[in-house]
Amino acid sequence: MKLWLAAAAALALAARAPTPLAAQAPTVVSMPAQHAAPARSDSLARAALSATTARRRVFVDVRTPAEFAGGHLPRAVNLPLADLEQRWPELKAYRRRQIVLYCRSGHRAQLALELVTTHGITNARNGGGYESLSGLLAAAR
C-alpha cells in the first residue's frame, strides 16, 4: 500500500512539473508596426513616386557620405541617418515639398521617417532603396 501511495504521489508531482524548455513550443512575438521590416524596396519606391509629384518632391539620401559619393539621385540632399537626430531641423526648409527619404534598401529610410515624424515632420515618406528609385526614375524618362 505504501508503495502504491508513493508511486501515485510521484506521478501527481510529475504531472504538475513544468515542461522542460526544450520541449515547449516556441513563443511567437510580433513586433510593433513601427519596427516591422519595411516592404520590398521596389514597392516603397513605386509608392513614393506615385504619391508625390516630380515638381514638388525632394530626395533626401540618409546613407553615409561615402555611399552618397558612390552614386545618388540627381539633386538629392545627403542627410546621413547618423546625423539626423541633430540635423532634422534642416528638413523644415522643405515643408512645402514632398520629402522622399531613401537609403540602400529602405531600412534606414524607415528609421529616418520614424525619427522625423516624432519631430512633427509629416510631409516625408520612405522611398525605399537607391537602386529601385534610380531604376524607376530612369524608366520614367
C-alpha atoms as a PDB file:
ATOM      1  CA  MET A   1       0.000   0.000   0.000  1.00  0.00           C
ATOM      2  CA  LYS A   2       2.788   2.419   0.893  1.00  0.00           C
ATOM      3  CA  LEU A   3       4.489   1.689  -2.432  1.00  0.00           C
ATOM      4  CA  TRP A   4       1.259   2.437  -4.288  1.00  0.00           C
ATOM      5  CA  LEU A   5       0.853   5.783  -2.460  1.00  0.00           C
ATOM      6  CA  ALA A   6       4.457   6.744  -3.174  1.00  0.00           C
ATOM      7  CA  ALA A   7       4.014   5.944  -6.887  1.00  0.00           C
ATOM      8  CA  ALA A   8       0.759   7.921  -7.043  1.00  0.00           C
ATOM      9  CA  ALA A   9       2.392  10.900  -5.344  1.00  0.00           C
ATOM     10  CA  ALA A  10       5.349  10.778  -7.747  1.00  0.00           C
ATOM     11  CA  LEU A  11       3.003  10.704 -10.744  1.00  0.00           C
ATOM     12  CA  ALA A  12       0.993  13.615  -9.363  1.00  0.00           C
ATOM     13  CA  LEU A  13       4.152  15.683  -8.885  1.00  0.00           C
ATOM     14  CA  ALA A  14       5.396  14.808 -12.355  1.00  0.00           C
ATOM     15  CA  ALA A  15       2.080  15.905 -13.862  1.00  0.00           C
ATOM     16  CA  ARG A  16       2.386  19.320 -12.196  1.00  0.00           C
ATOM     17  CA  ALA A  17       6.056  19.814 -13.037  1.00  0.00           C
ATOM     18  CA  PRO A  18       6.744  22.423 -15.708  1.00  0.00           C
ATOM     19  CA  THR A  19       7.598  21.195 -19.171  1.00  0.00           C
ATOM     20  CA  PRO A  20      11.329  21.443 -19.937  1.00  0.00           C
ATOM     21  CA  LEU A  21      12.128  24.470 -22.119  1.00  0.00           C
ATOM     22  CA  ALA A  22      13.376  22.303 -24.960  1.00  0.00           C
ATOM     23  CA  ALA A  23      10.006  20.560 -25.157  1.00  0.00           C
ATOM     24  CA  GLN A  24       7.931  23.764 -25.143  1.00  0.00           C
ATOM     25  CA  ALA A  25       6.647  25.296 -28.357  1.00  0.00           C
ATOM     26  CA  PRO A  26       8.463  28.498 -29.294  1.00  0.00           C
ATOM     27  CA  THR A  27       6.729  31.719 -28.358  1.00  0.00           C
ATOM     28  CA  VAL A  28       5.953  33.956 -31.292  1.00  0.00           C
ATOM     29  CA  VAL A  29       6.288  37.635 -30.508  1.00  0.00           C
ATOM     30  CA  SER A  30       5.025  40.094 -33.056  1.00  0.00           C
ATOM     31  CA  MET A  31       6.906  43.332 -33.490  1.00  0.00           C
ATOM     32  CA  PRO A  32       5.075  46.645 -33.257  1.00  0.00           C
ATOM     33  CA  ALA A  33       4.233  48.103 -36.658  1.00  0.00           C
ATOM     34  CA  GLN A  34       6.719  50.944 -36.309  1.00  0.00           C
ATOM     35  CA  HIS A  35       9.559  48.415 -36.005  1.00  0.00           C
ATOM     36  CA  ALA A  36       8.387  45.969 -38.644  1.00  0.00           C
ATOM     37  CA  ALA A  37      10.707  45.379 -41.563  1.00  0.00           C
ATOM     38  CA  PRO A  38       9.861  47.682 -44.438  1.00  0.00           C
ATOM     39  CA  ALA A  39       8.194  46.277 -47.514  1.00  0.00           C
ATOM     40  CA  ARG A  40      10.322  45.447 -50.534  1.00  0.00           C
ATOM     41  CA  SER A  41      12.311  48.410 -51.767  1.00  0.00           C
ATOM     42  CA  ASP A  42      10.676  48.355 -55.214  1.00  0.00           C
ATOM     43  CA  SER A  43       7.232  48.631 -53.646  1.00  0.00           C
ATOM     44  CA  LEU A  44       8.323  51.505 -51.434  1.00  0.00           C
ATOM     45  CA  ALA A  45       9.882  53.321 -54.374  1.00  0.00           C
ATOM     46  CA  ARG A  46       6.785  52.889 -56.543  1.00  0.00           C
ATOM     47  CA  ALA A  47       4.502  54.081 -53.747  1.00  0.00           C
ATOM     48  CA  ALA A  48       6.673  57.122 -53.011  1.00  0.00           C
ATOM     49  CA  LEU A  49       6.878  58.160 -56.642  1.00  0.00           C
ATOM     50  CA  SER A  50       3.170  57.702 -57.274  1.00  0.00           C
ATOM     51  CA  ALA A  51       2.251  59.669 -54.138  1.00  0.00           C
ATOM     52  CA  THR A  52       4.457  62.640 -54.996  1.00  0.00           C
ATOM     53  CA  THR A  53       4.797  64.942 -57.960  1.00  0.00           C
ATOM     54  CA  ALA A  54       8.126  65.421 -59.683  1.00  0.00           C
ATOM     55  CA  ARG A  55       7.987  69.206 -59.309  1.00  0.00           C
ATOM     56  CA  ARG A  56       7.308  69.112 -55.567  1.00  0.00           C
ATOM     57  CA  ARG A  57       9.419  66.162 -54.377  1.00  0.00           C
ATOM     58  CA  VAL A  58      12.849  66.410 -52.828  1.00  0.00           C
ATOM     59  CA  PHE A  59      15.017  63.318 -52.375  1.00  0.00           C
ATOM     60  CA  VAL A  60      16.875  63.003 -49.069  1.00  0.00           C
ATOM     61  CA  ASP A  61      19.566  60.330 -49.039  1.00  0.00           C
ATOM     62  CA  VAL A  62      20.112  59.052 -45.498  1.00  0.00           C
ATOM     63  CA  ARG A  63      23.144  56.907 -46.409  1.00  0.00           C
ATOM     64  CA  THR A  64      26.677  57.745 -45.323  1.00  0.00           C
ATOM     65  CA  PRO A  65      28.634  60.442 -47.202  1.00  0.00           C
ATOM     66  CA  ALA A  66      30.829  57.691 -48.712  1.00  0.00           C
ATOM     67  CA  GLU A  67      27.762  55.856 -50.055  1.00  0.00           C
ATOM     68  CA  PHE A  68      26.346  59.135 -51.337  1.00  0.00           C
ATOM     69  CA  ALA A  69      29.629  59.894 -53.136  1.00  0.00           C
ATOM     70  CA  GLY A  70      29.408  56.483 -54.799  1.00  0.00           C
ATOM     71  CA  GLY A  71      26.170  57.481 -56.510  1.00  0.00           C
ATOM     72  CA  HIS A  72      22.969  59.297 -55.689  1.00  0.00           C
ATOM     73  CA  LEU A  73      19.796  60.612 -57.281  1.00  0.00           C
ATOM     74  CA  PRO A  74      20.031  63.925 -59.157  1.00  0.00           C
ATOM     75  CA  ARG A  75      19.622  66.940 -56.855  1.00  0.00           C
ATOM     76  CA  ALA A  76      19.400  64.685 -53.769  1.00  0.00           C
ATOM     77  CA  VAL A  77      20.361  66.065 -50.375  1.00  0.00           C
ATOM     78  CA  ASN A  78      22.626  63.930 -48.186  1.00  0.00           C
ATOM     79  CA  LEU A  79      21.466  63.860 -44.576  1.00  0.00           C
ATOM     80  CA  PRO A  80      23.019  60.716 -43.041  1.00  0.00           C
ATOM     81  CA  LEU A  81      20.875  58.800 -40.573  1.00  0.00           C
ATOM     82  CA  ALA A  82      23.690  59.003 -38.006  1.00  0.00           C
ATOM     83  CA  ASP A  83      23.440  62.825 -38.104  1.00  0.00           C
ATOM     84  CA  LEU A  84      19.689  63.107 -38.438  1.00  0.00           C
ATOM     85  CA  GLU A  85      18.923  63.466 -34.730  1.00  0.00           C
ATOM     86  CA  GLN A  86      20.849  66.768 -34.721  1.00  0.00           C
ATOM     87  CA  ARG A  87      20.165  67.870 -38.305  1.00  0.00           C
ATOM     88  CA  TRP A  88      16.431  67.093 -38.689  1.00  0.00           C
ATOM     89  CA  PRO A  89      15.517  70.815 -38.479  1.00  0.00           C
ATOM     90  CA  GLU A  90      17.134  71.210 -41.916  1.00  0.00           C
ATOM     91  CA  LEU A  91      14.115  69.363 -43.318  1.00  0.00           C
ATOM     92  CA  LYS A  92      11.885  72.267 -42.275  1.00  0.00           C
ATOM     93  CA  ALA A  93      13.211  74.097 -45.345  1.00  0.00           C
ATOM     94  CA  TYR A  94      11.220  71.574 -47.392  1.00  0.00           C
ATOM     95  CA  ARG A  95       7.905  71.993 -45.538  1.00  0.00           C
ATOM     96  CA  ARG A  96       6.117  72.858 -48.788  1.00  0.00           C
ATOM     97  CA  ARG A  97       7.735  69.969 -50.656  1.00  0.00           C
ATOM     98  CA  GLN A  98       7.237  66.210 -50.584  1.00  0.00           C
ATOM     99  CA  ILE A  99      10.237  64.608 -48.898  1.00  0.00           C
ATOM    100  CA  VAL A 100      11.250  61.169 -50.160  1.00  0.00           C
ATOM    101  CA  LEU A 101      13.786  59.527 -47.837  1.00  0.00           C
ATOM    102  CA  TYR A 102      15.931  56.760 -49.300  1.00  0.00           C
ATOM    103  CA  CYS A 103      18.966  54.636 -48.480  1.00  0.00           C
ATOM    104  CA  ARG A 104      20.311  51.364 -49.854  1.00  0.00           C
ATOM    105  CA  SER A 105      17.372  49.095 -49.015  1.00  0.00           C
ATOM    106  CA  GLY A 106      14.702  51.196 -47.310  1.00  0.00           C
ATOM    107  CA  HIS A 107      15.555  50.175 -43.752  1.00  0.00           C
ATOM    108  CA  ARG A 108      17.487  53.307 -42.766  1.00  0.00           C
ATOM    109  CA  ALA A 109      14.926  55.410 -44.620  1.00  0.00           C
ATOM    110  CA  GLN A 110      12.222  53.851 -42.414  1.00  0.00           C
ATOM    111  CA  LEU A 111      14.209  54.668 -39.277  1.00  0.00           C
ATOM    112  CA  ALA A 112      14.690  58.220 -40.563  1.00  0.00           C
ATOM    113  CA  LEU A 113      10.980  58.523 -41.297  1.00  0.00           C
ATOM    114  CA  GLU A 114      10.123  57.445 -37.762  1.00  0.00           C
ATOM    115  CA  LEU A 115      12.593  59.974 -36.352  1.00  0.00           C
ATOM    116  CA  VAL A 116      11.406  62.963 -38.369  1.00  0.00           C
ATOM    117  CA  THR A 117       7.769  62.059 -37.744  1.00  0.00           C
ATOM    118  CA  THR A 118       8.389  62.263 -33.985  1.00  0.00           C
ATOM    119  CA  HIS A 119       9.621  65.812 -34.600  1.00  0.00           C
ATOM    120  CA  GLY A 120       6.411  66.779 -36.388  1.00  0.00           C
ATOM    121  CA  ILE A 121       7.554  66.474 -39.998  1.00  0.00           C
ATOM    122  CA  THR A 122       4.573  64.916 -41.740  1.00  0.00           C
ATOM    123  CA  ASN A 123       5.407  65.500 -45.412  1.00  0.00           C
ATOM    124  CA  ALA A 124       8.007  62.712 -45.623  1.00  0.00           C
ATOM    125  CA  ARG A 125       7.774  59.132 -46.824  1.00  0.00           C
ATOM    126  CA  ASN A 126      10.040  56.124 -47.187  1.00  0.00           C
ATOM    127  CA  GLY A 127      11.191  55.877 -50.787  1.00  0.00           C
ATOM    128  CA  GLY A 128      12.987  52.568 -50.356  1.00  0.00           C
ATOM    129  CA  GLY A 129      16.391  51.966 -51.873  1.00  0.00           C
ATOM    130  CA  TYR A 130      18.613  53.947 -54.205  1.00  0.00           C
ATOM    131  CA  GLU A 131      18.750  51.257 -56.894  1.00  0.00           C
ATOM    132  CA  SER A 132      14.954  50.902 -57.018  1.00  0.00           C
ATOM    133  CA  LEU A 133      14.328  54.648 -57.181  1.00  0.00           C
ATOM    134  CA  SER A 134      17.071  55.163 -59.737  1.00  0.00           C
ATOM    135  CA  GLY A 135      15.680  52.425 -61.983  1.00  0.00           C
ATOM    136  CA  LEU A 136      12.123  53.720 -61.768  1.00  0.00           C
ATOM    137  CA  LEU A 137      13.173  57.304 -62.471  1.00  0.00           C
ATOM    138  CA  ALA A 138      15.278  56.185 -65.453  1.00  0.00           C
ATOM    139  CA  ALA A 139      12.356  54.173 -66.826  1.00  0.00           C
ATOM    140  CA  ALA A 140      10.057  57.195 -66.488  1.00  0.00           C
ATOM    141  CA  ARG A 141      12.311  59.414 -68.651  1.00  0.00           C
END
